[in-house]
């Protein structure tokens, strides 16, 4: 397969997602463009919203907003946060669609529901936040670690603000919980004191507007995972199965073992901050010793020692210490590989 064919295979077109007659609606066209933008960016973190296409009548009516996520637990792929927005008066219409928790529906039913909601873009809208695996990894492994709960809550807050910024008359907000429902609800209320906010476990099975959000999140994640660019999958043969993306899936475990490079680690598809990936890196990765970290730790130790001795000479804190063997002896891997340090570029 040539490079052009490989690129085309990553493109989500109207036929491949089987959106049928709704493919001509503005919301559908924008949704497809959003999916392709995510893939073209190698799984970049992006946000898309169809709220601007709500009719002015719908937007000014008392509206309900539901929030749900897909892909919180997997070691592969993005985490999707989505909200659905509709007038409160349309609750019966949402129920007639047969909306339910997306995980309890067949793939075909989820596709049909998404198609129907995109078609009814004058009264039901979405905002989708695709959080890339690389962003999740960077935040969770940064020096000032950001937990997955915080990432999730920040995404939910952003979805609510997006609706308010687009002049939606929000009357009711329903959120599927992250952590303890009462704590999360109190936190959201402190940020949006004028909103009626309900946070519950399994809200996607109770409130149709949250069910709608779960459809947007689940279908979008599934499509992105299915069409993830080849260059973002790592050094594996074309067509290598990746499984469901969950750590317990044997197919996913096999893929993670295959795609790991002992030096650079994992490709962009993998959340390197997950224990599944961390353990594999410890077992099979090349051991690195970062000299700046060692020096910082040694300086910290020296400082503590001098403080404990209550040295009277303040300049003693800045006195250079002899370099240890650790700095003068290069790691065997770099010697055999013929690699050297570069200081001047």
C-alpha atoms as a PDB file:
ATOM      1  CA  UNK A   1       0.000   0.000   0.000  1.00  0.00           C
ATOM      2  CA  UNK A   2       1.476   3.394  -0.977  1.00  0.00           C
ATOM      3  CA  UNK A   3       1.487   6.447   1.254  1.00  0.00           C
ATOM      4  CA  UNK A   4      -1.503   8.046  -0.475  1.00  0.00           C
ATOM      5  CA  UNK A   5      -3.612   4.976   0.136  1.00  0.00           C
ATOM      6  CA  UNK A   6      -2.557   4.901   3.792  1.00  0.00           C
ATOM      7  CA  UNK A   7      -3.555   8.537   4.243  1.00  0.00           C
ATOM      8  CA  UNK A   8      -6.920   7.978   2.612  1.00  0.00           C
ATOM      9  CA  UNK A   9      -7.642   5.023   4.888  1.00  0.00           C
ATOM     10  CA  UNK A  10      -7.517   7.367   7.873  1.00  0.00           C
ATOM     11  CA  UNK A  11     -10.077   9.778   6.446  1.00  0.00           C
ATOM     12  CA  UNK A  12     -13.599   9.498   7.811  1.00  0.00           C
ATOM     13  CA  UNK A  13     -15.933  10.251   4.927  1.00  0.00           C
ATOM     14  CA  UNK A  14     -19.718  10.223   4.701  1.00  0.00           C
ATOM     15  CA  UNK A  15     -19.830   6.692   3.334  1.00  0.00           C
ATOM     16  CA  UNK A  16     -17.490   5.156   5.905  1.00  0.00           C
ATOM     17  CA  UNK A  17     -19.488   6.399   8.877  1.00  0.00           C
ATOM     18  CA  UNK A  18     -22.816   5.562   7.236  1.00  0.00           C
ATOM     19  CA  UNK A  19     -24.642   8.719   8.206  1.00  0.00           C
ATOM     20  CA  UNK A  20     -27.091   8.286   5.368  1.00  0.00           C
ATOM     21  CA  UNK A  21     -29.450  11.118   4.451  1.00  0.00           C
ATOM     22  CA  UNK A  22     -28.288  13.288   7.344  1.00  0.00           C
ATOM     23  CA  UNK A  23     -24.874  13.669   5.684  1.00  0.00           C
ATOM     24  CA  UNK A  24     -26.072  16.898   4.068  1.00  0.00           C
ATOM     25  CA  UNK A  25     -26.975  18.614   7.354  1.00  0.00           C
ATOM     26  CA  UNK A  26     -24.641  21.393   8.566  1.00  0.00           C
ATOM     27  CA  UNK A  27     -24.072  19.621  11.876  1.00  0.00           C
ATOM     28  CA  UNK A  28     -23.067  16.392  10.152  1.00  0.00           C
ATOM     29  CA  UNK A  29     -20.625  18.132   7.838  1.00  0.00           C
ATOM     30  CA  UNK A  30     -19.060  19.969  10.772  1.00  0.00           C
ATOM     31  CA  UNK A  31     -18.906  16.751  12.808  1.00  0.00           C
ATOM     32  CA  UNK A  32     -17.082  14.885  10.027  1.00  0.00           C
ATOM     33  CA  UNK A  33     -14.654  17.776   9.644  1.00  0.00           C
ATOM     34  CA  UNK A  34     -13.979  17.657  13.381  1.00  0.00           C
ATOM     35  CA  UNK A  35     -13.206  13.926  13.282  1.00  0.00           C
ATOM     36  CA  UNK A  36     -10.804  14.363  10.392  1.00  0.00           C
ATOM     37  CA  UNK A  37      -9.103  17.295  12.131  1.00  0.00           C
ATOM     38  CA  UNK A  38      -8.491  15.096  15.178  1.00  0.00           C
ATOM     39  CA  UNK A  39      -6.961  12.381  13.006  1.00  0.00           C
ATOM     40  CA  UNK A  40      -4.916  14.773  10.876  1.00  0.00           C
ATOM     41  CA  UNK A  41      -3.402  16.162  14.042  1.00  0.00           C
ATOM     42  CA  UNK A  42      -2.285  12.705  15.143  1.00  0.00           C
ATOM     43  CA  UNK A  43      -4.958  12.600  17.796  1.00  0.00           C
ATOM     44  CA  UNK A  44      -4.726  16.243  18.781  1.00  0.00           C
ATOM     45  CA  UNK A  45      -6.867  17.682  21.568  1.00  0.00           C
ATOM     46  CA  UNK A  46      -9.717  19.525  19.860  1.00  0.00           C
ATOM     47  CA  UNK A  47     -13.163  20.906  20.645  1.00  0.00           C
ATOM     48  CA  UNK A  48     -16.160  21.122  18.328  1.00  0.00           C
ATOM     49  CA  UNK A  49     -19.630  22.529  18.956  1.00  0.00           C
ATOM     50  CA  UNK A  50     -22.893  22.661  17.034  1.00  0.00           C
ATOM     51  CA  UNK A  51     -24.595  24.969  19.548  1.00  0.00           C
ATOM     52  CA  UNK A  52     -24.266  27.899  17.153  1.00  0.00           C
ATOM     53  CA  UNK A  53     -26.591  26.042  14.798  1.00  0.00           C
ATOM     54  CA  UNK A  54     -29.404  25.867  17.342  1.00  0.00           C
ATOM     55  CA  UNK A  55     -32.341  28.023  16.334  1.00  0.00           C
ATOM     56  CA  UNK A  56     -32.644  31.289  18.237  1.00  0.00           C
ATOM     57  CA  UNK A  57     -35.970  30.050  19.580  1.00  0.00           C
ATOM     58  CA  UNK A  58     -34.370  26.892  20.984  1.00  0.00           C
ATOM     59  CA  UNK A  59     -31.419  28.767  22.439  1.00  0.00           C
ATOM     60  CA  UNK A  60     -33.581  31.328  24.216  1.00  0.00           C
ATOM     61  CA  UNK A  61     -35.984  28.718  25.608  1.00  0.00           C
ATOM     62  CA  UNK A  62     -35.166  27.182  29.011  1.00  0.00           C
ATOM     63  CA  UNK A  63     -32.619  24.506  28.075  1.00  0.00           C
ATOM     64  CA  UNK A  64     -31.191  21.372  29.652  1.00  0.00           C
ATOM     65  CA  UNK A  65     -27.580  20.302  29.279  1.00  0.00           C
ATOM     66  CA  UNK A  66     -26.212  16.805  29.902  1.00  0.00           C
ATOM     67  CA  UNK A  67     -22.556  15.780  30.237  1.00  0.00           C
ATOM     68  CA  UNK A  68     -20.940  12.359  29.893  1.00  0.00           C
ATOM     69  CA  UNK A  69     -17.606  10.878  28.890  1.00  0.00           C
ATOM     70  CA  UNK A  70     -16.186   7.928  26.993  1.00  0.00           C
ATOM     71  CA  UNK A  71     -12.733   6.425  27.310  1.00  0.00           C
ATOM     72  CA  UNK A  72     -11.850   7.320  30.875  1.00  0.00           C
ATOM     73  CA  UNK A  73     -10.380   3.917  31.761  1.00  0.00           C
ATOM     74  CA  UNK A  74      -8.627   2.682  28.577  1.00  0.00           C
ATOM     75  CA  UNK A  75      -4.871   2.763  28.145  1.00  0.00           C
ATOM     76  CA  UNK A  76      -5.319   3.547  24.443  1.00  0.00           C
ATOM     77  CA  UNK A  77      -6.811   6.520  22.673  1.00  0.00           C
ATOM     78  CA  UNK A  78      -8.412   9.814  23.641  1.00  0.00           C
ATOM     79  CA  UNK A  79     -10.880  10.553  26.396  1.00  0.00           C
ATOM     80  CA  UNK A  80     -14.021  12.154  25.020  1.00  0.00           C
ATOM     81  CA  UNK A  81     -16.136  14.579  26.990  1.00  0.00           C
ATOM     82  CA  UNK A  82     -19.409  15.650  25.415  1.00  0.00           C
ATOM     83  CA  UNK A  83     -22.459  17.662  26.295  1.00  0.00           C
ATOM     84  CA  UNK A  84     -25.868  17.638  24.648  1.00  0.00           C
ATOM     85  CA  UNK A  85     -28.116  20.700  24.753  1.00  0.00           C
ATOM     86  CA  UNK A  86     -31.848  20.908  24.034  1.00  0.00           C
ATOM     87  CA  UNK A  87     -34.900  22.871  25.195  1.00  0.00           C
ATOM     88  CA  UNK A  88     -36.532  21.393  28.293  1.00  0.00           C
ATOM     89  CA  UNK A  89     -39.747  21.233  26.272  1.00  0.00           C
ATOM     90  CA  UNK A  90     -38.116  18.593  24.032  1.00  0.00           C
ATOM     91  CA  UNK A  91     -37.707  15.967  26.763  1.00  0.00           C
ATOM     92  CA  UNK A  92     -40.499  13.860  25.257  1.00  0.00           C
ATOM     93  CA  UNK A  93     -38.823  13.967  21.829  1.00  0.00           C
ATOM     94  CA  UNK A  94     -35.558  12.706  23.320  1.00  0.00           C
ATOM     95  CA  UNK A  95     -37.383   9.842  25.014  1.00  0.00           C
ATOM     96  CA  UNK A  96     -39.141   8.948  21.766  1.00  0.00           C
ATOM     97  CA  UNK A  97     -35.745   8.579  20.099  1.00  0.00           C
ATOM     98  CA  UNK A  98     -35.024   5.731  22.517  1.00  0.00           C
ATOM     99  CA  UNK A  99     -31.991   7.317  24.130  1.00  0.00           C
ATOM    100  CA  UNK A 100     -30.305   5.231  26.816  1.00  0.00           C
ATOM    101  CA  UNK A 101     -26.851   4.673  28.257  1.00  0.00           C
ATOM    102  CA  UNK A 102     -24.624   4.276  25.182  1.00  0.00           C
ATOM    103  CA  UNK A 103     -22.864   1.257  26.720  1.00  0.00           C
ATOM    104  CA  UNK A 104     -26.183  -0.597  26.828  1.00  0.00           C
ATOM    105  CA  UNK A 105     -26.898  -0.030  23.123  1.00  0.00           C
ATOM    106  CA  UNK A 106     -25.627  -1.886  20.091  1.00  0.00           C
ATOM    107  CA  UNK A 107     -23.156  -0.145  17.827  1.00  0.00           C
ATOM    108  CA  UNK A 108     -25.801   0.092  15.121  1.00  0.00           C
ATOM    109  CA  UNK A 109     -28.313   1.708  17.471  1.00  0.00           C
ATOM    110  CA  UNK A 110     -25.745   4.250  18.636  1.00  0.00           C
ATOM    111  CA  UNK A 111     -25.020   5.169  15.024  1.00  0.00           C
ATOM    112  CA  UNK A 112     -28.736   5.581  14.269  1.00  0.00           C
ATOM    113  CA  UNK A 113     -29.257   7.812  17.285  1.00  0.00           C
ATOM    114  CA  UNK A 114     -26.277   9.988  16.407  1.00  0.00           C
ATOM    115  CA  UNK A 115     -27.567  10.337  12.856  1.00  0.00           C
ATOM    116  CA  UNK A 116     -30.986  11.371  14.105  1.00  0.00           C
ATOM    117  CA  UNK A 117     -29.616  13.933  16.556  1.00  0.00           C
ATOM    118  CA  UNK A 118     -27.356  15.484  13.925  1.00  0.00           C
ATOM    119  CA  UNK A 119     -30.349  15.745  11.619  1.00  0.00           C
ATOM    120  CA  UNK A 120     -32.374  17.619  14.275  1.00  0.00           C
ATOM    121  CA  UNK A 121     -29.688  20.274  14.658  1.00  0.00           C
ATOM    122  CA  UNK A 122     -32.214  23.104  15.045  1.00  0.00           C
ATOM    123  CA  UNK A 123     -33.212  21.903  18.537  1.00  0.00           C
ATOM    124  CA  UNK A 124     -30.514  19.521  19.802  1.00  0.00           C
ATOM    125  CA  UNK A 125     -26.806  20.341  19.768  1.00  0.00           C
ATOM    126  CA  UNK A 126     -23.485  19.075  21.067  1.00  0.00           C
ATOM    127  CA  UNK A 127     -20.084  20.217  22.204  1.00  0.00           C
ATOM    128  CA  UNK A 128     -17.366  17.552  22.049  1.00  0.00           C
ATOM    129  CA  UNK A 129     -13.960  17.810  23.714  1.00  0.00           C
ATOM    130  CA  UNK A 130     -11.485  15.188  22.513  1.00  0.00           C
ATOM    131  CA  UNK A 131      -8.611  14.980  25.010  1.00  0.00           C
ATOM    132  CA  UNK A 132      -5.627  13.311  23.371  1.00  0.00           C
ATOM    133  CA  UNK A 133      -3.665  10.474  25.020  1.00  0.00           C
ATOM    134  CA  UNK A 134      -0.558  12.659  24.848  1.00  0.00           C
ATOM    135  CA  UNK A 135      -2.219  15.471  26.799  1.00  0.00           C
ATOM    136  CA  UNK A 136      -3.391  12.990  29.422  1.00  0.00           C
ATOM    137  CA  UNK A 137       0.127  11.551  29.689  1.00  0.00           C
ATOM    138  CA  UNK A 138       1.824  14.945  29.891  1.00  0.00           C
ATOM    139  CA  UNK A 139      -0.491  16.239  32.603  1.00  0.00           C
ATOM    140  CA  UNK A 140      -0.389  13.096  34.726  1.00  0.00           C
ATOM    141  CA  UNK A 141       3.415  12.765  34.516  1.00  0.00           C
ATOM    142  CA  UNK A 142       4.338  16.449  34.799  1.00  0.00           C
ATOM    143  CA  UNK A 143       6.318  17.745  37.767  1.00  0.00           C
ATOM    144  CA  UNK A 144       3.057  19.199  39.089  1.00  0.00           C
ATOM    145  CA  UNK A 145       0.883  16.182  38.458  1.00  0.00           C
ATOM    146  CA  UNK A 146      -2.715  16.706  37.363  1.00  0.00           C
ATOM    147  CA  UNK A 147      -5.044  13.827  38.185  1.00  0.00           C
ATOM    148  CA  UNK A 148      -7.470  12.280  35.728  1.00  0.00           C
ATOM    149  CA  UNK A 149     -10.322  13.496  37.944  1.00  0.00           C
ATOM    150  CA  UNK A 150      -9.108  17.070  37.595  1.00  0.00           C
ATOM    151  CA  UNK A 151      -8.699  16.710  33.828  1.00  0.00           C
ATOM    152  CA  UNK A 152     -12.242  15.336  33.650  1.00  0.00           C
ATOM    153  CA  UNK A 153     -13.755  18.035  35.834  1.00  0.00           C
ATOM    154  CA  UNK A 154     -11.991  20.791  33.907  1.00  0.00           C
ATOM    155  CA  UNK A 155     -13.432  19.387  30.680  1.00  0.00           C
ATOM    156  CA  UNK A 156     -16.956  19.346  32.128  1.00  0.00           C
ATOM    157  CA  UNK A 157     -16.607  22.929  33.349  1.00  0.00           C
ATOM    158  CA  UNK A 158     -15.446  23.942  29.882  1.00  0.00           C
ATOM    159  CA  UNK A 159     -18.534  22.368  28.301  1.00  0.00           C
ATOM    160  CA  UNK A 160     -20.887  24.295  30.585  1.00  0.00           C
ATOM    161  CA  UNK A 161     -19.028  27.543  29.950  1.00  0.00           C
ATOM    162  CA  UNK A 162     -19.167  26.926  26.204  1.00  0.00           C
ATOM    163  CA  UNK A 163     -22.971  26.788  26.314  1.00  0.00           C
ATOM    164  CA  UNK A 164     -23.225  29.900  28.483  1.00  0.00           C
ATOM    165  CA  UNK A 165     -20.794  31.793  26.247  1.00  0.00           C
ATOM    166  CA  UNK A 166     -23.056  31.013  23.288  1.00  0.00           C
ATOM    167  CA  UNK A 167     -26.055  32.542  25.070  1.00  0.00           C
ATOM    168  CA  UNK A 168     -27.880  29.302  25.802  1.00  0.00           C
ATOM    169  CA  UNK A 169     -30.582  29.831  28.425  1.00  0.00           C
ATOM    170  CA  UNK A 170     -29.461  27.011  30.716  1.00  0.00           C
ATOM    171  CA  UNK A 171     -32.105  25.976  33.224  1.00  0.00           C
ATOM    172  CA  UNK A 172     -30.956  22.440  34.094  1.00  0.00           C
ATOM    173  CA  UNK A 173     -27.544  20.742  34.044  1.00  0.00           C
ATOM    174  CA  UNK A 174     -27.108  16.986  34.536  1.00  0.00           C
ATOM    175  CA  UNK A 175     -23.679  15.424  34.924  1.00  0.00           C
ATOM    176  CA  UNK A 176     -22.542  11.807  35.170  1.00  0.00           C
ATOM    177  CA  UNK A 177     -20.309  11.827  38.216  1.00  0.00           C
ATOM    178  CA  UNK A 178     -16.542  11.635  38.558  1.00  0.00           C
ATOM    179  CA  UNK A 179     -15.702  10.636  42.125  1.00  0.00           C
ATOM    180  CA  UNK A 180     -18.227  11.339  44.880  1.00  0.00           C
ATOM    181  CA  UNK A 181     -21.379  12.839  43.391  1.00  0.00           C
ATOM    182  CA  UNK A 182     -22.153  15.195  46.270  1.00  0.00           C
ATOM    183  CA  UNK A 183     -18.606  16.594  46.360  1.00  0.00           C
ATOM    184  CA  UNK A 184     -18.537  17.089  42.596  1.00  0.00           C
ATOM    185  CA  UNK A 185     -21.971  18.738  42.623  1.00  0.00           C
ATOM    186  CA  UNK A 186     -20.937  21.156  45.376  1.00  0.00           C
ATOM    187  CA  UNK A 187     -17.798  22.021  43.410  1.00  0.00           C
ATOM    188  CA  UNK A 188     -19.740  22.748  40.216  1.00  0.00           C
ATOM    189  CA  UNK A 189     -22.309  24.785  42.138  1.00  0.00           C
ATOM    190  CA  UNK A 190     -19.512  26.925  43.565  1.00  0.00           C
ATOM    191  CA  UNK A 191     -18.469  27.790  40.012  1.00  0.00           C
ATOM    192  CA  UNK A 192     -21.972  28.148  38.567  1.00  0.00           C
ATOM    193  CA  UNK A 193     -24.122  29.261  41.532  1.00  0.00           C
ATOM    194  CA  UNK A 194     -27.020  30.370  39.334  1.00  0.00           C
ATOM    195  CA  UNK A 195     -27.474  26.996  37.634  1.00  0.00           C
ATOM    196  CA  UNK A 196     -29.603  24.067  38.748  1.00  0.00           C
ATOM    197  CA  UNK A 197     -26.992  21.297  38.678  1.00  0.00           C
ATOM    198  CA  UNK A 198     -27.580  17.605  39.364  1.00  0.00           C
ATOM    199  CA  UNK A 199     -24.615  15.210  39.573  1.00  0.00           C
ATOM    200  CA  UNK A 200     -25.421  11.515  39.811  1.00  0.00           C
ATOM    201  CA  UNK A 201     -23.855   8.134  39.241  1.00  0.00           C
ATOM    202  CA  UNK A 202     -25.202   6.514  36.059  1.00  0.00           C
ATOM    203  CA  UNK A 203     -26.951   9.733  35.065  1.00  0.00           C
ATOM    204  CA  UNK A 204     -26.697   8.533  31.465  1.00  0.00           C
ATOM    205  CA  UNK A 205     -29.260   5.838  32.273  1.00  0.00           C
ATOM    206  CA  UNK A 206     -31.609   8.259  34.065  1.00  0.00           C
ATOM    207  CA  UNK A 207     -31.663  11.494  32.084  1.00  0.00           C
ATOM    208  CA  UNK A 208     -32.188  11.398  28.283  1.00  0.00           C
ATOM    209  CA  UNK A 209     -30.103  14.533  27.778  1.00  0.00           C
ATOM    210  CA  UNK A 210     -27.120  12.807  29.447  1.00  0.00           C
ATOM    211  CA  UNK A 211     -27.831   9.728  27.329  1.00  0.00           C
ATOM    212  CA  UNK A 212     -27.582  11.959  24.263  1.00  0.00           C
ATOM    213  CA  UNK A 213     -24.200  13.223  25.485  1.00  0.00           C
ATOM    214  CA  UNK A 214     -23.029   9.648  26.042  1.00  0.00           C
ATOM    215  CA  UNK A 215     -23.891   8.826  22.408  1.00  0.00           C
ATOM    216  CA  UNK A 216     -21.854  11.756  21.108  1.00  0.00           C
ATOM    217  CA  UNK A 217     -18.895  10.788  23.310  1.00  0.00           C
ATOM    218  CA  UNK A 218     -18.954   7.025  22.735  1.00  0.00           C
ATOM    219  CA  UNK A 219     -19.473   7.044  18.961  1.00  0.00           C
ATOM    220  CA  UNK A 220     -16.831   9.729  18.469  1.00  0.00           C
ATOM    221  CA  UNK A 221     -14.216   7.849  20.501  1.00  0.00           C
ATOM    222  CA  UNK A 222     -14.962   4.581  18.688  1.00  0.00           C
ATOM    223  CA  UNK A 223     -14.508   6.256  15.311  1.00  0.00           C
ATOM    224  CA  UNK A 224     -11.270   7.954  16.280  1.00  0.00           C
ATOM    225  CA  UNK A 225      -9.828   4.737  17.697  1.00  0.00           C
ATOM    226  CA  UNK A 226     -10.827   2.784  14.588  1.00  0.00           C
ATOM    227  CA  UNK A 227      -9.224   5.300  12.226  1.00  0.00           C
ATOM    228  CA  UNK A 228      -6.195   6.285  14.285  1.00  0.00           C
ATOM    229  CA  UNK A 229      -3.338   7.254  11.897  1.00  0.00           C
ATOM    230  CA  UNK A 230      -0.831   4.519  11.141  1.00  0.00           C
ATOM    231  CA  UNK A 231       2.108   6.733  12.124  1.00  0.00           C
ATOM    232  CA  UNK A 232       0.565   7.176  15.548  1.00  0.00           C
ATOM    233  CA  UNK A 233       0.298   3.433  16.202  1.00  0.00           C
ATOM    234  CA  UNK A 234       4.011   2.762  16.554  1.00  0.00           C
ATOM    235  CA  UNK A 235       6.347   0.223  14.921  1.00  0.00           C
ATOM    236  CA  UNK A 236       3.755  -2.483  14.278  1.00  0.00           C
ATOM    237  CA  UNK A 237       2.667  -4.143  11.015  1.00  0.00           C
ATOM    238  CA  UNK A 238      -0.233  -2.496   9.201  1.00  0.00           C
ATOM    239  CA  UNK A 239      -3.537  -3.945  10.301  1.00  0.00           C
ATOM    240  CA  UNK A 240      -2.310  -4.960  13.766  1.00  0.00           C
ATOM    241  CA  UNK A 241      -5.338  -5.270  16.045  1.00  0.00           C
ATOM    242  CA  UNK A 242      -5.401  -2.986  19.080  1.00  0.00           C
ATOM    243  CA  UNK A 243      -8.449  -4.423  20.825  1.00  0.00           C
ATOM    244  CA  UNK A 244     -10.842  -2.375  22.938  1.00  0.00           C
ATOM    245  CA  UNK A 245      -8.090  -0.248  24.458  1.00  0.00           C
ATOM    246  CA  UNK A 246      -8.819  -1.401  28.011  1.00  0.00           C
ATOM    247  CA  UNK A 247      -5.853  -2.666  30.078  1.00  0.00           C
ATOM    248  CA  UNK A 248      -7.463  -6.058  30.707  1.00  0.00           C
ATOM    249  CA  UNK A 249      -8.046  -6.824  27.020  1.00  0.00           C
ATOM    250  CA  UNK A 250      -5.522  -9.512  25.865  1.00  0.00           C
ATOM    251  CA  UNK A 251      -5.432  -8.020  22.347  1.00  0.00           C
ATOM    252  CA  UNK A 252      -4.665  -4.581  23.751  1.00  0.00           C
ATOM    253  CA  UNK A 253      -1.950  -6.037  26.004  1.00  0.00           C
ATOM    254  CA  UNK A 254      -0.323  -7.730  23.014  1.00  0.00           C
ATOM    255  CA  UNK A 255      -0.443  -4.528  20.973  1.00  0.00           C
ATOM    256  CA  UNK A 256       1.179  -2.513  23.777  1.00  0.00           C
ATOM    257  CA  UNK A 257       4.030  -5.022  23.975  1.00  0.00           C
ATOM    258  CA  UNK A 258       4.519  -4.828  20.208  1.00  0.00           C
ATOM    259  CA  UNK A 259       4.389  -1.053  19.836  1.00  0.00           C
ATOM    260  CA  UNK A 260       6.831  -0.166  22.612  1.00  0.00           C
ATOM    261  CA  UNK A 261      10.272   1.067  21.608  1.00  0.00           C
ATOM    262  CA  UNK A 262      12.843   0.353  24.355  1.00  0.00           C
ATOM    263  CA  UNK A 263      14.317   3.865  24.005  1.00  0.00           C
ATOM    264  CA  UNK A 264      11.500   6.256  23.040  1.00  0.00           C
ATOM    265  CA  UNK A 265       8.699   4.331  24.720  1.00  0.00           C
ATOM    266  CA  UNK A 266       5.181   4.345  23.297  1.00  0.00           C
ATOM    267  CA  UNK A 267       3.498   5.943  20.270  1.00  0.00           C
ATOM    268  CA  UNK A 268       0.921   8.762  20.642  1.00  0.00           C
ATOM    269  CA  UNK A 269      -1.968   6.291  20.803  1.00  0.00           C
ATOM    270  CA  UNK A 270      -0.843   4.977  24.213  1.00  0.00           C
ATOM    271  CA  UNK A 271      -1.362   6.733  27.542  1.00  0.00           C
ATOM    272  CA  UNK A 272       2.126   6.260  28.946  1.00  0.00           C
ATOM    273  CA  UNK A 273       0.947   7.400  32.374  1.00  0.00           C
ATOM    274  CA  UNK A 274      -1.160   4.228  32.829  1.00  0.00           C
ATOM    275  CA  UNK A 275       0.242   1.525  35.109  1.00  0.00           C
ATOM    276  CA  UNK A 276       0.024  -0.994  32.254  1.00  0.00           C
ATOM    277  CA  UNK A 277       2.484   1.071  30.220  1.00  0.00           C
ATOM    278  CA  UNK A 278       4.656   2.067  33.175  1.00  0.00           C
ATOM    279  CA  UNK A 279       5.236  -1.533  34.238  1.00  0.00           C
ATOM    280  CA  UNK A 280       6.206  -2.544  30.704  1.00  0.00           C
ATOM    281  CA  UNK A 281       8.664   0.341  30.472  1.00  0.00           C
ATOM    282  CA  UNK A 282      10.256  -0.730  33.745  1.00  0.00           C
ATOM    283  CA  UNK A 283      10.590  -4.312  32.528  1.00  0.00           C
ATOM    284  CA  UNK A 284      11.713  -3.803  28.930  1.00  0.00           C
ATOM    285  CA  UNK A 285      12.802  -0.200  28.517  1.00  0.00           C
ATOM    286  CA  UNK A 286      16.381   1.076  28.476  1.00  0.00           C
ATOM    287  CA  UNK A 287      17.255   2.508  31.866  1.00  0.00           C
ATOM    288  CA  UNK A 288      18.094   6.207  31.686  1.00  0.00           C
ATOM    289  CA  UNK A 289      19.791   8.330  34.302  1.00  0.00           C
ATOM    290  CA  UNK A 290      19.133  12.034  33.738  1.00  0.00           C
ATOM    291  CA  UNK A 291      22.174  13.913  35.005  1.00  0.00           C
ATOM    292  CA  UNK A 292      20.292  17.131  35.742  1.00  0.00           C
ATOM    293  CA  UNK A 293      17.943  15.219  38.031  1.00  0.00           C
ATOM    294  CA  UNK A 294      20.875  13.495  39.744  1.00  0.00           C
ATOM    295  CA  UNK A 295      22.653  16.815  40.237  1.00  0.00           C
ATOM    296  CA  UNK A 296      19.509  18.388  41.642  1.00  0.00           C
ATOM    297  CA  UNK A 297      19.065  15.518  44.077  1.00  0.00           C
ATOM    298  CA  UNK A 298      22.729  15.638  45.118  1.00  0.00           C
ATOM    299  CA  UNK A 299      22.503  19.395  45.652  1.00  0.00           C
ATOM    300  CA  UNK A 300      19.402  18.903  47.743  1.00  0.00           C
ATOM    301  CA  UNK A 301      21.190  16.273  49.852  1.00  0.00           C
ATOM    302  CA  UNK A 302      24.235  18.505  50.306  1.00  0.00           C
ATOM    303  CA  UNK A 303      22.025  21.387  51.346  1.00  0.00           C
ATOM    304  CA  UNK A 304      20.256  19.276  53.942  1.00  0.00           C
ATOM    305  CA  UNK A 305      23.591  18.040  55.298  1.00  0.00           C
ATOM    306  CA  UNK A 306      24.945  21.545  55.723  1.00  0.00           C
ATOM    307  CA  UNK A 307      21.759  22.712  57.345  1.00  0.00           C
ATOM    308  CA  UNK A 308      21.919  19.840  59.802  1.00  0.00           C
ATOM    309  CA  UNK A 309      25.496  20.770  60.667  1.00  0.00           C
ATOM    310  CA  UNK A 310      24.380  24.414  61.098  1.00  0.00           C
ATOM    311  CA  UNK A 311      27.346  25.673  59.139  1.00  0.00           C
ATOM    312  CA  UNK A 312      28.305  29.232  60.042  1.00  0.00           C
ATOM    313  CA  UNK A 313      29.628  29.943  56.570  1.00  0.00           C
ATOM    314  CA  UNK A 314      26.794  30.983  54.313  1.00  0.00           C
ATOM    315  CA  UNK A 315      29.018  30.563  51.253  1.00  0.00           C
ATOM    316  CA  UNK A 316      29.230  26.886  52.084  1.00  0.00           C
ATOM    317  CA  UNK A 317      25.812  26.471  50.533  1.00  0.00           C
ATOM    318  CA  UNK A 318      27.199  27.374  47.117  1.00  0.00           C
ATOM    319  CA  UNK A 319      30.477  25.517  47.224  1.00  0.00           C
ATOM    320  CA  UNK A 320      30.894  23.035  44.389  1.00  0.00           C
ATOM    321  CA  UNK A 321      31.072  19.385  45.311  1.00  0.00           C
ATOM    322  CA  UNK A 322      33.263  16.801  43.570  1.00  0.00           C
ATOM    323  CA  UNK A 323      31.511  15.073  40.675  1.00  0.00           C
ATOM    324  CA  UNK A 324      30.680  11.473  41.409  1.00  0.00           C
ATOM    325  CA  UNK A 325      31.636   8.495  39.244  1.00  0.00           C
ATOM    326  CA  UNK A 326      28.054   8.573  38.095  1.00  0.00           C
ATOM    327  CA  UNK A 327      28.856  11.636  35.966  1.00  0.00           C
ATOM    328  CA  UNK A 328      32.193  10.469  34.536  1.00  0.00           C
ATOM    329  CA  UNK A 329      31.257   6.936  33.579  1.00  0.00           C
ATOM    330  CA  UNK A 330      28.951   6.735  30.591  1.00  0.00           C
ATOM    331  CA  UNK A 331      26.141   4.220  30.454  1.00  0.00           C
ATOM    332  CA  UNK A 332      27.109   1.058  28.477  1.00  0.00           C
ATOM    333  CA  UNK A 333      24.161   1.407  26.104  1.00  0.00           C
ATOM    334  CA  UNK A 334      25.362   4.776  24.791  1.00  0.00           C
ATOM    335  CA  UNK A 335      28.938   3.509  24.378  1.00  0.00           C
ATOM    336  CA  UNK A 336      27.941   0.474  22.309  1.00  0.00           C
ATOM    337  CA  UNK A 337      25.468   2.525  20.268  1.00  0.00           C
ATOM    338  CA  UNK A 338      28.103   5.138  19.473  1.00  0.00           C
ATOM    339  CA  UNK A 339      26.025   7.983  20.925  1.00  0.00           C
ATOM    340  CA  UNK A 340      27.522  11.097  22.446  1.00  0.00           C
ATOM    341  CA  UNK A 341      26.277  14.196  24.247  1.00  0.00           C
ATOM    342  CA  UNK A 342      25.677  17.338  22.196  1.00  0.00           C
ATOM    343  CA  UNK A 343      26.119  20.682  23.931  1.00  0.00           C
ATOM    344  CA  UNK A 344      26.517  23.116  21.015  1.00  0.00           C
ATOM    345  CA  UNK A 345      23.855  23.197  18.307  1.00  0.00           C
END
